[in-house]
Amino acid sequence: HDHVLPALLQAGVTQAQLDTMLVD
């Protein structure tokens, strides 16, 4: 949560894509 997710968001991964990976 402190490093990987912010790096993914900065690299262009959308919040919706993260929600799919981590929730759905």
PDB file of all heavy atoms in Angstrom:
ATOM      1  N   HIS A   1       0.809  -1.217   0.000  1.00  0.00           N
ATOM      2  CA  HIS A   1       0.000   0.000   0.000  1.00  0.00           C
ATOM      3  C   HIS A   1       0.846   1.273   0.000  1.00  0.00           C
ATOM      4  O   HIS A   1       0.425   2.281  -0.562  1.00  0.00           O
ATOM      5  CB  HIS A   1      -0.960  -0.002   1.186  1.00  0.00           C
ATOM      6  CG  HIS A   1      -2.010  -1.057   1.060  1.00  0.00           C
ATOM      7  ND1 HIS A   1      -3.097  -0.928   0.243  1.00  0.00           N
ATOM      8  CD2 HIS A   1      -2.123  -2.283   1.613  1.00  0.00           C
ATOM      9  CE1 HIS A   1      -3.840  -2.003   0.301  1.00  0.00           C
ATOM     10  NE2 HIS A   1      -3.269  -2.857   1.130  1.00  0.00           N
ATOM     11  N   ASP A   2       2.003   1.220   0.611  1.00  0.00           N
ATOM     12  CA  ASP A   2       2.847   2.418   0.690  1.00  0.00           C
ATOM     13  C   ASP A   2       3.667   2.664  -0.567  1.00  0.00           C
ATOM     14  O   ASP A   2       3.947   3.818  -0.896  1.00  0.00           O
ATOM     15  CB  ASP A   2       3.810   2.316   1.877  1.00  0.00           C
ATOM     16  CG  ASP A   2       3.107   2.421   3.215  1.00  0.00           C
ATOM     17  OD1 ASP A   2       1.908   2.788   3.242  1.00  0.00           O
ATOM     18  OD2 ASP A   2       3.752   2.127   4.243  1.00  0.00           O
ATOM     19  N   HIS A   3       4.062   1.597  -1.262  1.00  0.00           N
ATOM     20  CA  HIS A   3       4.992   1.769  -2.380  1.00  0.00           C
ATOM     21  C   HIS A   3       4.496   1.200  -3.711  1.00  0.00           C
ATOM     22  O   HIS A   3       4.580   1.863  -4.741  1.00  0.00           O
ATOM     23  CB  HIS A   3       6.343   1.134  -2.033  1.00  0.00           C
ATOM     24  CG  HIS A   3       6.978   1.759  -0.848  1.00  0.00           C
ATOM     25  ND1 HIS A   3       6.965   1.171   0.394  1.00  0.00           N
ATOM     26  CD2 HIS A   3       7.608   2.947  -0.685  1.00  0.00           C
ATOM     27  CE1 HIS A   3       7.573   1.956   1.253  1.00  0.00           C
ATOM     28  NE2 HIS A   3       7.960   3.048   0.630  1.00  0.00           N
ATOM     29  N   VAL A   4       4.012  -0.031  -3.699  1.00  0.00           N
ATOM     30  CA  VAL A   4       3.655  -0.696  -4.952  1.00  0.00           C
ATOM     31  C   VAL A   4       2.432  -0.055  -5.606  1.00  0.00           C
ATOM     32  O   VAL A   4       2.461   0.291  -6.798  1.00  0.00           O
ATOM     33  CB  VAL A   4       3.433  -2.204  -4.729  1.00  0.00           C
ATOM     34  CG1 VAL A   4       2.967  -2.878  -6.012  1.00  0.00           C
ATOM     35  CG2 VAL A   4       4.720  -2.853  -4.213  1.00  0.00           C
ATOM     36  N   LEU A   5       1.354   0.118  -4.857  1.00  0.00           N
ATOM     37  CA  LEU A   5       0.139   0.686  -5.447  1.00  0.00           C
ATOM     38  C   LEU A   5       0.346   2.117  -5.944  1.00  0.00           C
ATOM     39  O   LEU A   5      -0.071   2.433  -7.071  1.00  0.00           O
ATOM     40  CB  LEU A   5      -1.026   0.599  -4.470  1.00  0.00           C
ATOM     41  CG  LEU A   5      -1.442  -0.832  -4.093  1.00  0.00           C
ATOM     42  CD1 LEU A   5      -2.590  -0.811  -3.102  1.00  0.00           C
ATOM     43  CD2 LEU A   5      -1.762  -1.658  -5.303  1.00  0.00           C
ATOM     44  N   PRO A   6       0.997   3.004  -5.190  1.00  0.00           N
ATOM     45  CA  PRO A   6       1.255   4.339  -5.735  1.00  0.00           C
ATOM     46  C   PRO A   6       2.125   4.304  -7.001  1.00  0.00           C
ATOM     47  O   PRO A   6       1.891   5.072  -7.935  1.00  0.00           O
ATOM     48  CB  PRO A   6       1.970   5.067  -4.599  1.00  0.00           C
ATOM     49  CG  PRO A   6       1.490   4.385  -3.365  1.00  0.00           C
ATOM     50  CD  PRO A   6       1.346   2.942  -3.763  1.00  0.00           C
ATOM     51  N   ALA A   7       3.086   3.392  -7.060  1.00  0.00           N
ATOM     52  CA  ALA A   7       3.928   3.280  -8.253  1.00  0.00           C
ATOM     53  C   ALA A   7       3.107   2.816  -9.449  1.00  0.00           C
ATOM     54  O   ALA A   7       3.299   3.301 -10.578  1.00  0.00           O
ATOM     55  CB  ALA A   7       5.086   2.325  -7.991  1.00  0.00           C
ATOM     56  N   LEU A   8       2.187   1.886  -9.227  1.00  0.00           N
ATOM     57  CA  LEU A   8       1.323   1.436 -10.315  1.00  0.00           C
ATOM     58  C   LEU A   8       0.430   2.569 -10.813  1.00  0.00           C
ATOM     59  O   LEU A   8       0.259   2.758 -12.020  1.00  0.00           O
ATOM     60  CB  LEU A   8       0.473   0.247  -9.857  1.00  0.00           C
ATOM     61  CG  LEU A   8       1.214  -1.070  -9.684  1.00  0.00           C
ATOM     62  CD1 LEU A   8       0.301  -2.110  -9.031  1.00  0.00           C
ATOM     63  CD2 LEU A   8       1.751  -1.578 -11.001  1.00  0.00           C
ATOM     64  N   LEU A   9      -0.144   3.328  -9.890  1.00  0.00           N
ATOM     65  CA  LEU A   9      -0.985   4.464 -10.280  1.00  0.00           C
ATOM     66  C   LEU A   9      -0.171   5.492 -11.069  1.00  0.00           C
ATOM     67  O   LEU A   9      -0.637   6.007 -12.087  1.00  0.00           O
ATOM     68  CB  LEU A   9      -1.617   5.117  -9.048  1.00  0.00           C
ATOM     69  CG  LEU A   9      -2.721   4.313  -8.374  1.00  0.00           C
ATOM     70  CD1 LEU A   9      -3.055   4.899  -7.009  1.00  0.00           C
ATOM     71  CD2 LEU A   9      -3.960   4.246  -9.255  1.00  0.00           C
ATOM     72  N   GLN A  10       1.027   5.756 -10.634  1.00  0.00           N
ATOM     73  CA  GLN A  10       1.882   6.724 -11.327  1.00  0.00           C
ATOM     74  C   GLN A  10       2.282   6.207 -12.708  1.00  0.00           C
ATOM     75  O   GLN A  10       2.477   6.991 -13.634  1.00  0.00           O
ATOM     76  CB  GLN A  10       3.125   7.037 -10.498  1.00  0.00           C
ATOM     77  CG  GLN A  10       3.926   8.189 -11.040  1.00  0.00           C
ATOM     78  CD  GLN A  10       4.993   8.652 -10.064  1.00  0.00           C
ATOM     79  OE1 GLN A  10       5.210   8.039  -9.040  1.00  0.00           O
ATOM     80  NE2 GLN A  10       5.651   9.733 -10.406  1.00  0.00           N
ATOM     81  N   ALA A  11       2.378   4.894 -12.859  1.00  0.00           N
ATOM     82  CA  ALA A  11       2.746   4.293 -14.138  1.00  0.00           C
ATOM     83  C   ALA A  11       1.568   4.212 -15.106  1.00  0.00           C
ATOM     84  O   ALA A  11       1.727   3.761 -16.234  1.00  0.00           O
ATOM     85  CB  ALA A  11       3.336   2.909 -13.912  1.00  0.00           C
ATOM     86  N   GLY A  12       0.373   4.612 -14.652  1.00  0.00           N
ATOM     87  CA  GLY A  12      -0.764   4.653 -15.549  1.00  0.00           C
ATOM     88  C   GLY A  12      -1.829   3.603 -15.308  1.00  0.00           C
ATOM     89  O   GLY A  12      -2.825   3.548 -16.034  1.00  0.00           O
ATOM     90  N   VAL A  13      -1.654   2.753 -14.328  1.00  0.00           N
ATOM     91  CA  VAL A  13      -2.694   1.789 -13.985  1.00  0.00           C
ATOM     92  C   VAL A  13      -3.834   2.576 -13.343  1.00  0.00           C
ATOM     93  O   VAL A  13      -3.610   3.425 -12.491  1.00  0.00           O
ATOM     94  CB  VAL A  13      -2.150   0.714 -13.017  1.00  0.00           C
ATOM     95  CG1 VAL A  13      -3.250  -0.226 -12.571  1.00  0.00           C
ATOM     96  CG2 VAL A  13      -1.002  -0.054 -13.660  1.00  0.00           C
ATOM     97  N   THR A  14      -5.045   2.306 -13.768  1.00  0.00           N
ATOM     98  CA  THR A  14      -6.185   3.062 -13.240  1.00  0.00           C
ATOM     99  C   THR A  14      -6.660   2.466 -11.915  1.00  0.00           C
ATOM    100  O   THR A  14      -6.384   1.311 -11.597  1.00  0.00           O
ATOM    101  CB  THR A  14      -7.363   3.051 -14.222  1.00  0.00           C
ATOM    102  OG1 THR A  14      -7.872   1.723 -14.325  1.00  0.00           O
ATOM    103  CG2 THR A  14      -6.953   3.569 -15.593  1.00  0.00           C
ATOM    104  N   GLN A  15      -7.396   3.273 -11.179  1.00  0.00           N
ATOM    105  CA  GLN A  15      -7.974   2.789  -9.930  1.00  0.00           C
ATOM    106  C   GLN A  15      -8.942   1.645 -10.197  1.00  0.00           C
ATOM    107  O   GLN A  15      -9.020   0.683  -9.436  1.00  0.00           O
ATOM    108  CB  GLN A  15      -8.671   3.926  -9.182  1.00  0.00           C
ATOM    109  CG  GLN A  15      -9.189   3.521  -7.823  1.00  0.00           C
ATOM    110  CD  GLN A  15      -8.071   3.107  -6.878  1.00  0.00           C
ATOM    111  OE1 GLN A  15      -7.077   3.808  -6.720  1.00  0.00           O
ATOM    112  NE2 GLN A  15      -8.219   1.957  -6.233  1.00  0.00           N
ATOM    113  N   ALA A  16      -9.671   1.723 -11.300  1.00  0.00           N
ATOM    114  CA  ALA A  16     -10.587   0.644 -11.656  1.00  0.00           C
ATOM    115  C   ALA A  16      -9.829  -0.660 -11.903  1.00  0.00           C
ATOM    116  O   ALA A  16     -10.289  -1.736 -11.508  1.00  0.00           O
ATOM    117  CB  ALA A  16     -11.403   1.027 -12.891  1.00  0.00           C
ATOM    118  N   GLN A  17      -8.672  -0.579 -12.540  1.00  0.00           N
ATOM    119  CA  GLN A  17      -7.863  -1.776 -12.770  1.00  0.00           C
ATOM    120  C   GLN A  17      -7.333  -2.339 -11.450  1.00  0.00           C
ATOM    121  O   GLN A  17      -7.316  -3.555 -11.256  1.00  0.00           O
ATOM    122  CB  GLN A  17      -6.705  -1.464 -13.719  1.00  0.00           C
ATOM    123  CG  GLN A  17      -7.155  -1.199 -15.141  1.00  0.00           C
ATOM    124  CD  GLN A  17      -6.050  -0.647 -16.000  1.00  0.00           C
ATOM    125  OE1 GLN A  17      -5.256   0.193 -15.580  1.00  0.00           O
ATOM    126  NE2 GLN A  17      -5.994  -1.116 -17.240  1.00  0.00           N
ATOM    127  N   LEU A  18      -6.917  -1.461 -10.545  1.00  0.00           N
ATOM    128  CA  LEU A  18      -6.471  -1.922  -9.233  1.00  0.00           C
ATOM    129  C   LEU A  18      -7.615  -2.574  -8.470  1.00  0.00           C
ATOM    130  O   LEU A  18      -7.426  -3.603  -7.816  1.00  0.00           O
ATOM    131  CB  LEU A  18      -5.891  -0.762  -8.419  1.00  0.00           C
ATOM    132  CG  LEU A  18      -4.544  -0.214  -8.877  1.00  0.00           C
ATOM    133  CD1 LEU A  18      -4.141   0.978  -8.009  1.00  0.00           C
ATOM    134  CD2 LEU A  18      -3.477  -1.282  -8.861  1.00  0.00           C
ATOM    135  N   ASP A  19      -8.800  -1.991  -8.557  1.00  0.00           N
ATOM    136  CA  ASP A  19      -9.965  -2.578  -7.897  1.00  0.00           C
ATOM    137  C   ASP A  19     -10.249  -3.975  -8.448  1.00  0.00           C
ATOM    138  O   ASP A  19     -10.591  -4.892  -7.695  1.00  0.00           O
ATOM    139  CB  ASP A  19     -11.195  -1.689  -8.063  1.00  0.00           C
ATOM    140  CG  ASP A  19     -11.101  -0.397  -7.281  1.00  0.00           C
ATOM    141  OD1 ASP A  19     -10.244  -0.307  -6.375  1.00  0.00           O
ATOM    142  OD2 ASP A  19     -11.880   0.523  -7.574  1.00  0.00           O
ATOM    143  N   THR A  20     -10.105  -4.135  -9.741  1.00  0.00           N
ATOM    144  CA  THR A  20     -10.306  -5.452 -10.345  1.00  0.00           C
ATOM    145  C   THR A  20      -9.288  -6.446  -9.797  1.00  0.00           C
ATOM    146  O   THR A  20      -9.641  -7.564  -9.413  1.00  0.00           O
ATOM    147  CB  THR A  20     -10.187  -5.371 -11.875  1.00  0.00           C
ATOM    148  OG1 THR A  20     -11.236  -4.540 -12.364  1.00  0.00           O
ATOM    149  CG2 THR A  20     -10.298  -6.743 -12.523  1.00  0.00           C
ATOM    150  N   MET A  21      -8.017  -6.034  -9.743  1.00  0.00           N
ATOM    151  CA  MET A  21      -6.956  -6.933  -9.274  1.00  0.00           C
ATOM    152  C   MET A  21      -7.086  -7.267  -7.794  1.00  0.00           C
ATOM    153  O   MET A  21      -6.855  -8.407  -7.389  1.00  0.00           O
ATOM    154  CB  MET A  21      -5.579  -6.294  -9.513  1.00  0.00           C
ATOM    155  CG  MET A  21      -5.170  -6.238 -10.955  1.00  0.00           C
ATOM    156  SD  MET A  21      -3.479  -5.655 -11.145  1.00  0.00           S
ATOM    157  CE  MET A  21      -3.722  -3.886 -11.112  1.00  0.00           C
ATOM    158  N   LEU A  22      -7.432  -6.274  -6.978  1.00  0.00           N
ATOM    159  CA  LEU A  22      -7.382  -6.440  -5.534  1.00  0.00           C
ATOM    160  C   LEU A  22      -8.722  -6.774  -4.878  1.00  0.00           C
ATOM    161  O   LEU A  22      -8.742  -7.261  -3.744  1.00  0.00           O
ATOM    162  CB  LEU A  22      -6.814  -5.170  -4.887  1.00  0.00           C
ATOM    163  CG  LEU A  22      -5.390  -4.818  -5.321  1.00  0.00           C
ATOM    164  CD1 LEU A  22      -4.994  -3.464  -4.771  1.00  0.00           C
ATOM    165  CD2 LEU A  22      -4.417  -5.886  -4.876  1.00  0.00           C
ATOM    166  N   VAL A  23      -9.829  -6.520  -5.571  1.00  0.00           N
ATOM    167  CA  VAL A  23     -11.151  -6.753  -4.982  1.00  0.00           C
ATOM    168  C   VAL A  23     -11.953  -7.761  -5.804  1.00  0.00           C
ATOM    169  O   VAL A  23     -12.366  -8.801  -5.291  1.00  0.00           O
ATOM    170  CB  VAL A  23     -11.941  -5.430  -4.840  1.00  0.00           C
ATOM    171  CG1 VAL A  23     -13.322  -5.677  -4.281  1.00  0.00           C
ATOM    172  CG2 VAL A  23     -11.174  -4.440  -3.983  1.00  0.00           C
ATOM    173  N   ASP A  24     -12.156  -7.445  -7.063  1.00  0.00           N
ATOM    174  CA  ASP A  24     -13.041  -8.271  -7.884  1.00  0.00           C
ATOM    175  C   ASP A  24     -12.491  -9.681  -8.116  1.00  0.00           C
ATOM    176  O   ASP A  24     -13.212 -10.665  -7.959  1.00  0.00           O
ATOM    177  CB  ASP A  24     -13.311  -7.593  -9.230  1.00  0.00           C
ATOM    178  CG  ASP A  24     -13.951  -6.233  -9.079  1.00  0.00           C
ATOM    179  OD1 ASP A  24     -14.612  -5.998  -8.049  1.00  0.00           O
ATOM    180  OD2 ASP A  24     -13.789  -5.391  -9.988  1.00  0.00           O
TER     181      ASP A  24
END
